[in-house]
Amino acid sequence: MFPQPLIVVHDVQSTSAWYQAVLGFTSGHGGSDYEQLMSEGRMVMQLHRWGADEHPHLGRPELLPHGNGVVLWFLSSEVEHAYARASEAGAEVLEPIAINPNANHLEFWVRDPNGYIVVVAGHYGEHGAYAANGG
């Protein structure tokens, strides 16, 4: 089983463009109501427009903040490259790239345009390899 989180947003196309610019995802579906975002040939995330279909359990757009208590966490072998791309794209950085001493890996935290928190993290325990490479 693999997760494919779906978040509900006001503007699917601009949110898709943000994830493509910031995280390097590609569009697997496209459209104004629904999108599938791909990474390395696999769907990793879905976007759905508020009120686009009759899905009664997608939440209510008037309740804020969206995603409170949910963090979209992505594992990457190229955290430094992803951080550079996110910075160049102007993403709102909540926590800059750093070594998380609990997981012993690199990670950074950003906020997407809809208020969802996004983390890009390296593999658990990679700190030793990072430090050995002059990080």
N, C-alpha and C. Protein backbone atom coordinates (compact mmCIF):
# COMPACT_ATOMS: atom_id res chain seq x y z
N MET A 1 0.84 -1.17 0.00
CA MET A 1 0.00 0.00 0.00
C MET A 1 0.90 1.25 0.00
N PHE A 2 0.55 2.25 -0.80
CA PHE A 2 1.31 3.49 -0.88
C PHE A 2 0.37 4.67 -0.70
N PRO A 3 0.75 5.65 0.09
CA PRO A 3 -0.12 6.82 0.26
C PRO A 3 -0.14 7.69 -1.00
N GLN A 4 -1.28 8.28 -1.25
CA GLN A 4 -1.46 9.25 -2.33
C GLN A 4 -2.37 10.35 -1.78
N PRO A 5 -1.86 11.19 -0.89
CA PRO A 5 -2.73 12.16 -0.22
C PRO A 5 -3.45 13.06 -1.21
N LEU A 6 -4.67 13.41 -0.84
CA LEU A 6 -5.48 14.35 -1.61
C LEU A 6 -5.73 15.56 -0.73
N ILE A 7 -5.40 16.73 -1.24
CA ILE A 7 -5.73 17.96 -0.52
C ILE A 7 -6.74 18.73 -1.35
N VAL A 8 -7.58 19.47 -0.66
CA VAL A 8 -8.63 20.24 -1.31
C VAL A 8 -8.19 21.70 -1.31
N VAL A 9 -8.31 22.34 -2.48
CA VAL A 9 -7.79 23.69 -2.67
C VAL A 9 -8.78 24.53 -3.47
N HIS A 10 -8.61 25.84 -3.44
CA HIS A 10 -9.47 26.73 -4.22
C HIS A 10 -9.07 26.77 -5.68
N ASP A 11 -7.78 26.69 -5.98
CA ASP A 11 -7.31 26.80 -7.36
C ASP A 11 -6.35 25.65 -7.66
N VAL A 12 -6.88 24.62 -8.31
CA VAL A 12 -6.09 23.42 -8.59
C VAL A 12 -4.92 23.74 -9.50
N GLN A 13 -5.14 24.54 -10.54
CA GLN A 13 -4.07 24.80 -11.51
C GLN A 13 -2.91 25.58 -10.91
N SER A 14 -3.19 26.61 -10.11
CA SER A 14 -2.08 27.36 -9.52
C SER A 14 -1.39 26.54 -8.44
N THR A 15 -2.14 25.73 -7.71
CA THR A 15 -1.52 24.86 -6.70
C THR A 15 -0.64 23.83 -7.38
N SER A 16 -1.11 23.26 -8.48
CA SER A 16 -0.30 22.31 -9.24
C SER A 16 0.99 22.97 -9.71
N ALA A 17 0.88 24.18 -10.22
CA ALA A 17 2.07 24.90 -10.70
C ALA A 17 3.05 25.13 -9.55
N TRP A 18 2.55 25.43 -8.35
CA TRP A 18 3.41 25.64 -7.19
C TRP A 18 4.17 24.35 -6.86
N TYR A 19 3.47 23.22 -6.77
CA TYR A 19 4.13 21.96 -6.45
C TYR A 19 5.12 21.54 -7.54
N GLN A 20 4.81 21.86 -8.78
CA GLN A 20 5.74 21.55 -9.85
C GLN A 20 7.00 22.41 -9.74
N ALA A 21 6.83 23.71 -9.46
CA ALA A 21 7.98 24.61 -9.35
C ALA A 21 8.79 24.34 -8.09
N VAL A 22 8.12 24.10 -6.97
CA VAL A 22 8.79 23.98 -5.68
C VAL A 22 9.35 22.58 -5.44
N LEU A 23 8.59 21.54 -5.76
CA LEU A 23 9.03 20.18 -5.47
C LEU A 23 9.43 19.39 -6.72
N GLY A 24 9.25 19.97 -7.89
CA GLY A 24 9.66 19.28 -9.11
C GLY A 24 8.70 18.20 -9.57
N PHE A 25 7.47 18.20 -9.04
CA PHE A 25 6.49 17.22 -9.49
C PHE A 25 6.07 17.53 -10.93
N THR A 26 5.43 16.58 -11.57
CA THR A 26 4.88 16.79 -12.91
C THR A 26 3.39 16.51 -12.86
N SER A 27 2.68 17.07 -13.82
CA SER A 27 1.24 16.86 -13.91
C SER A 27 0.95 15.50 -14.52
N GLY A 28 0.07 14.75 -13.89
CA GLY A 28 -0.32 13.45 -14.41
C GLY A 28 -1.76 13.44 -14.89
N HIS A 29 -2.45 14.55 -14.75
CA HIS A 29 -3.86 14.60 -15.11
C HIS A 29 -4.22 15.97 -15.68
N GLY A 30 -4.00 17.00 -14.91
CA GLY A 30 -4.31 18.37 -15.34
C GLY A 30 -5.80 18.65 -15.27
N GLY A 31 -6.12 19.93 -15.18
CA GLY A 31 -7.51 20.35 -15.14
C GLY A 31 -7.77 21.30 -14.01
N SER A 32 -8.94 21.92 -14.05
CA SER A 32 -9.27 22.93 -13.05
C SER A 32 -9.96 22.33 -11.82
N ASP A 33 -10.45 21.09 -11.91
CA ASP A 33 -11.14 20.48 -10.78
C ASP A 33 -10.32 19.43 -10.05
N TYR A 34 -9.41 18.77 -10.77
CA TYR A 34 -8.68 17.65 -10.19
C TYR A 34 -7.32 17.52 -10.87
N GLU A 35 -6.32 17.14 -10.09
CA GLU A 35 -4.96 16.96 -10.61
C GLU A 35 -4.30 15.79 -9.89
N GLN A 36 -3.47 15.08 -10.61
CA GLN A 36 -2.60 14.06 -10.03
C GLN A 36 -1.18 14.55 -10.22
N LEU A 37 -0.42 14.63 -9.14
CA LEU A 37 0.97 15.07 -9.22
C LEU A 37 1.88 13.85 -9.14
N MET A 38 2.87 13.82 -10.03
CA MET A 38 3.72 12.66 -10.21
C MET A 38 5.17 12.99 -9.80
N SER A 39 5.86 11.95 -9.32
CA SER A 39 7.29 12.03 -9.07
C SER A 39 7.89 10.68 -9.45
N GLU A 40 8.87 10.72 -10.32
CA GLU A 40 9.54 9.51 -10.77
C GLU A 40 8.56 8.47 -11.28
N GLY A 41 7.55 8.93 -12.03
CA GLY A 41 6.59 8.03 -12.66
C GLY A 41 5.49 7.50 -11.76
N ARG A 42 5.43 7.97 -10.52
CA ARG A 42 4.42 7.49 -9.57
C ARG A 42 3.60 8.66 -9.06
N MET A 43 2.27 8.46 -8.95
CA MET A 43 1.44 9.50 -8.37
C MET A 43 1.76 9.61 -6.88
N VAL A 44 2.09 10.81 -6.44
CA VAL A 44 2.45 11.02 -5.04
C VAL A 44 1.46 11.94 -4.31
N MET A 45 0.56 12.58 -5.09
CA MET A 45 -0.33 13.53 -4.46
C MET A 45 -1.47 13.86 -5.41
N GLN A 46 -2.62 14.20 -4.83
CA GLN A 46 -3.78 14.60 -5.62
C GLN A 46 -4.29 15.95 -5.13
N LEU A 47 -4.83 16.73 -6.06
CA LEU A 47 -5.44 18.01 -5.73
C LEU A 47 -6.90 17.96 -6.18
N HIS A 48 -7.78 18.51 -5.38
CA HIS A 48 -9.20 18.54 -5.72
C HIS A 48 -9.73 19.93 -5.40
N ARG A 49 -10.53 20.48 -6.28
CA ARG A 49 -11.11 21.82 -6.05
C ARG A 49 -12.29 21.71 -5.09
N TRP A 50 -12.36 22.66 -4.14
CA TRP A 50 -13.49 22.73 -3.23
C TRP A 50 -14.78 22.76 -4.05
N GLY A 51 -15.73 21.89 -3.72
CA GLY A 51 -17.06 21.91 -4.32
C GLY A 51 -17.13 21.41 -5.75
N ALA A 52 -16.06 20.84 -6.29
CA ALA A 52 -16.06 20.44 -7.69
C ALA A 52 -16.96 19.23 -7.96
N ASP A 53 -17.06 18.32 -7.04
CA ASP A 53 -17.86 17.11 -7.22
C ASP A 53 -18.66 16.87 -5.95
N GLU A 54 -19.48 15.88 -6.01
CA GLU A 54 -20.32 15.56 -4.85
C GLU A 54 -19.59 14.60 -3.91
N HIS A 55 -18.53 15.08 -3.29
CA HIS A 55 -17.79 14.31 -2.28
C HIS A 55 -18.05 14.97 -0.93
N PRO A 56 -18.96 14.43 -0.14
CA PRO A 56 -19.36 15.11 1.09
C PRO A 56 -18.30 15.10 2.20
N HIS A 57 -17.23 14.34 2.03
CA HIS A 57 -16.27 14.21 3.13
C HIS A 57 -14.94 14.92 2.87
N LEU A 58 -14.90 15.83 1.92
CA LEU A 58 -13.66 16.54 1.62
C LEU A 58 -13.44 17.74 2.54
N GLY A 59 -14.39 18.03 3.38
CA GLY A 59 -14.23 19.15 4.30
C GLY A 59 -15.04 20.35 3.86
N ARG A 60 -14.89 21.44 4.63
CA ARG A 60 -15.62 22.67 4.36
C ARG A 60 -14.62 23.80 4.21
N PRO A 61 -14.64 24.51 3.08
CA PRO A 61 -13.62 25.52 2.83
C PRO A 61 -13.65 26.69 3.81
N GLU A 62 -14.77 26.92 4.47
CA GLU A 62 -14.84 28.05 5.40
C GLU A 62 -14.15 27.76 6.73
N LEU A 63 -13.86 26.50 7.02
CA LEU A 63 -13.16 26.15 8.25
C LEU A 63 -11.66 26.28 8.04
N LEU A 64 -11.03 27.13 8.82
CA LEU A 64 -9.60 27.39 8.67
C LEU A 64 -8.88 27.05 9.97
N PRO A 65 -7.61 26.78 9.98
CA PRO A 65 -6.77 26.66 8.78
C PRO A 65 -6.93 25.30 8.12
N HIS A 66 -6.77 25.26 6.82
CA HIS A 66 -6.83 23.99 6.10
C HIS A 66 -5.62 23.15 6.46
N GLY A 67 -5.85 21.88 6.69
CA GLY A 67 -4.76 20.97 6.98
C GLY A 67 -4.19 21.07 8.38
N ASN A 68 -4.88 21.74 9.30
CA ASN A 68 -4.37 21.84 10.66
C ASN A 68 -4.15 20.44 11.22
N GLY A 69 -2.92 20.15 11.63
CA GLY A 69 -2.59 18.85 12.17
C GLY A 69 -2.12 17.85 11.14
N VAL A 70 -2.11 18.25 9.87
CA VAL A 70 -1.65 17.37 8.79
C VAL A 70 -0.40 17.98 8.18
N VAL A 71 0.63 17.17 8.03
CA VAL A 71 1.86 17.60 7.37
C VAL A 71 2.08 16.70 6.17
N LEU A 72 2.27 17.29 5.00
CA LEU A 72 2.57 16.52 3.79
C LEU A 72 4.07 16.29 3.77
N TRP A 73 4.48 15.06 4.00
CA TRP A 73 5.88 14.69 4.20
C TRP A 73 6.36 13.90 3.00
N PHE A 74 7.42 14.38 2.37
CA PHE A 74 7.96 13.72 1.18
C PHE A 74 9.40 13.29 1.43
N LEU A 75 9.70 12.06 1.13
CA LEU A 75 11.04 11.50 1.25
C LEU A 75 11.79 11.77 -0.05
N SER A 76 13.03 12.24 0.08
CA SER A 76 13.83 12.55 -1.10
C SER A 76 15.29 12.17 -0.88
N SER A 77 15.91 11.70 -1.94
CA SER A 77 17.35 11.43 -1.91
C SER A 77 18.14 12.69 -2.25
N GLU A 78 17.44 13.76 -2.64
CA GLU A 78 18.09 15.00 -3.06
C GLU A 78 17.51 16.19 -2.32
N VAL A 79 17.60 16.17 -1.00
CA VAL A 79 17.01 17.23 -0.18
C VAL A 79 17.64 18.59 -0.48
N GLU A 80 18.96 18.63 -0.63
CA GLU A 80 19.63 19.91 -0.91
C GLU A 80 19.17 20.50 -2.24
N HIS A 81 19.05 19.66 -3.24
CA HIS A 81 18.57 20.11 -4.55
C HIS A 81 17.12 20.60 -4.44
N ALA A 82 16.29 19.86 -3.70
CA ALA A 82 14.89 20.26 -3.51
C ALA A 82 14.80 21.59 -2.77
N TYR A 83 15.67 21.79 -1.78
CA TYR A 83 15.65 23.06 -1.04
C TYR A 83 16.06 24.22 -1.93
N ALA A 84 17.07 24.01 -2.76
CA ALA A 84 17.49 25.06 -3.69
C ALA A 84 16.35 25.42 -4.64
N ARG A 85 15.64 24.40 -5.16
CA ARG A 85 14.52 24.64 -6.07
C ARG A 85 13.40 25.38 -5.35
N ALA A 86 13.08 24.97 -4.12
CA ALA A 86 12.03 25.64 -3.36
C ALA A 86 12.39 27.09 -3.07
N SER A 87 13.64 27.33 -2.73
CA SER A 87 14.09 28.71 -2.46
C SER A 87 14.02 29.56 -3.72
N GLU A 88 14.49 29.02 -4.83
CA GLU A 88 14.45 29.75 -6.11
C GLU A 88 13.02 30.05 -6.54
N ALA A 89 12.08 29.15 -6.20
CA ALA A 89 10.68 29.34 -6.57
C ALA A 89 9.96 30.30 -5.63
N GLY A 90 10.63 30.74 -4.56
CA GLY A 90 10.05 31.70 -3.64
C GLY A 90 9.09 31.10 -2.62
N ALA A 91 9.23 29.80 -2.33
CA ALA A 91 8.36 29.16 -1.35
C ALA A 91 8.54 29.80 0.03
N GLU A 92 7.48 29.88 0.79
CA GLU A 92 7.56 30.38 2.16
C GLU A 92 8.23 29.31 3.02
N VAL A 93 9.46 29.59 3.42
CA VAL A 93 10.23 28.63 4.21
C VAL A 93 9.89 28.81 5.68
N LEU A 94 9.44 27.73 6.30
CA LEU A 94 9.14 27.76 7.73
C LEU A 94 10.35 27.33 8.55
N GLU A 95 11.07 26.33 8.05
CA GLU A 95 12.31 25.88 8.67
C GLU A 95 13.30 25.60 7.55
N PRO A 96 14.42 26.31 7.51
CA PRO A 96 15.40 26.08 6.45
C PRO A 96 16.04 24.70 6.57
N ILE A 97 16.71 24.31 5.54
CA ILE A 97 17.35 22.98 5.53
C ILE A 97 18.30 22.85 6.72
N ALA A 98 18.18 21.73 7.40
CA ALA A 98 19.01 21.47 8.58
C ALA A 98 18.96 19.97 8.87
N ILE A 99 19.87 19.54 9.69
CA ILE A 99 19.87 18.15 10.13
C ILE A 99 18.92 18.02 11.31
N ASN A 100 17.96 17.13 11.19
CA ASN A 100 17.08 16.81 12.31
C ASN A 100 17.83 15.80 13.17
N PRO A 101 18.22 16.18 14.39
CA PRO A 101 19.03 15.27 15.21
C PRO A 101 18.26 14.03 15.67
N ASN A 102 16.94 14.10 15.72
CA ASN A 102 16.16 12.93 16.14
C ASN A 102 16.13 11.85 15.07
N ALA A 103 15.97 12.26 13.82
CA ALA A 103 15.92 11.30 12.71
C ALA A 103 17.28 11.15 12.03
N ASN A 104 18.20 12.08 12.36
CA ASN A 104 19.54 12.03 11.79
C ASN A 104 19.51 12.12 10.26
N HIS A 105 18.68 13.07 9.78
CA HIS A 105 18.59 13.29 8.34
C HIS A 105 18.39 14.78 8.05
N LEU A 106 18.58 15.17 6.79
CA LEU A 106 18.29 16.53 6.37
C LEU A 106 16.80 16.69 6.14
N GLU A 107 16.29 17.89 6.43
CA GLU A 107 14.90 18.20 6.12
C GLU A 107 14.71 19.71 6.06
N PHE A 108 13.63 20.13 5.39
CA PHE A 108 13.19 21.52 5.43
C PHE A 108 11.67 21.55 5.38
N TRP A 109 11.10 22.65 5.87
CA TRP A 109 9.65 22.81 5.98
C TRP A 109 9.24 24.07 5.22
N VAL A 110 8.19 23.96 4.41
CA VAL A 110 7.62 25.10 3.70
C VAL A 110 6.10 25.08 3.86
N ARG A 111 5.47 26.21 3.52
CA ARG A 111 4.01 26.30 3.52
C ARG A 111 3.55 26.49 2.08
N ASP A 112 2.58 25.69 1.64
CA ASP A 112 2.07 25.86 0.28
C ASP A 112 1.09 27.03 0.24
N PRO A 113 0.67 27.48 -0.94
CA PRO A 113 -0.19 28.66 -1.04
C PRO A 113 -1.56 28.51 -0.37
N ASN A 114 -1.95 27.29 -0.04
CA ASN A 114 -3.25 27.04 0.59
C ASN A 114 -3.15 26.91 2.11
N GLY A 115 -1.93 27.00 2.64
CA GLY A 115 -1.72 26.91 4.07
C GLY A 115 -1.27 25.55 4.55
N TYR A 116 -1.18 24.57 3.64
CA TYR A 116 -0.72 23.24 4.04
C TYR A 116 0.79 23.26 4.30
N ILE A 117 1.23 22.51 5.31
CA ILE A 117 2.64 22.40 5.64
C ILE A 117 3.23 21.25 4.84
N VAL A 118 4.39 21.50 4.22
CA VAL A 118 5.07 20.50 3.39
C VAL A 118 6.49 20.34 3.92
N VAL A 119 6.91 19.09 4.10
CA VAL A 119 8.27 18.78 4.54
C VAL A 119 8.92 17.91 3.48
N VAL A 120 10.16 18.23 3.18
CA VAL A 120 10.98 17.35 2.34
C VAL A 120 12.11 16.87 3.24
N ALA A 121 12.22 15.55 3.36
CA ALA A 121 13.20 14.97 4.28
C ALA A 121 14.02 13.90 3.58
N GLY A 122 15.24 13.75 4.05
CA GLY A 122 16.11 12.70 3.55
C GLY A 122 15.80 11.38 4.25
N HIS A 123 16.59 10.41 3.93
CA HIS A 123 16.42 9.08 4.51
C HIS A 123 16.87 9.06 5.96
N TYR A 124 16.15 8.34 6.77
CA TYR A 124 16.46 8.22 8.19
C TYR A 124 17.91 7.75 8.36
N GLY A 125 18.65 8.46 9.20
CA GLY A 125 20.02 8.07 9.52
C GLY A 125 21.08 8.50 8.54
N GLU A 126 20.75 9.34 7.57
CA GLU A 126 21.73 9.72 6.54
C GLU A 126 22.73 10.78 7.02
N HIS A 127 22.56 11.32 8.19
CA HIS A 127 23.42 12.42 8.67
C HIS A 127 24.90 12.08 8.59
N GLY A 128 25.27 10.87 8.93
CA GLY A 128 26.68 10.49 8.87
C GLY A 128 27.25 10.67 7.48
N ALA A 129 26.52 10.26 6.45
CA ALA A 129 26.98 10.41 5.07
C ALA A 129 27.05 11.88 4.69
N TYR A 130 26.07 12.68 5.14
CA TYR A 130 26.05 14.11 4.83
C TYR A 130 27.25 14.79 5.46
N ALA A 131 27.50 14.53 6.74
CA ALA A 131 28.62 15.16 7.44
C ALA A 131 29.96 14.75 6.83
N ALA A 132 30.07 13.51 6.40
CA ALA A 132 31.31 13.02 5.80
C ALA A 132 31.61 13.71 4.47
N ASN A 133 30.53 14.22 3.82
CA ASN A 133 30.69 14.91 2.54
C ASN A 133 30.85 16.42 2.71
N GLY A 134 31.08 16.88 3.92
CA GLY A 134 31.35 18.29 4.17
C GLY A 134 30.13 19.12 4.43
N GLY A 135 28.97 18.49 4.78
CA GLY A 135 27.72 19.21 5.00
C GLY A 135 27.67 19.92 6.30
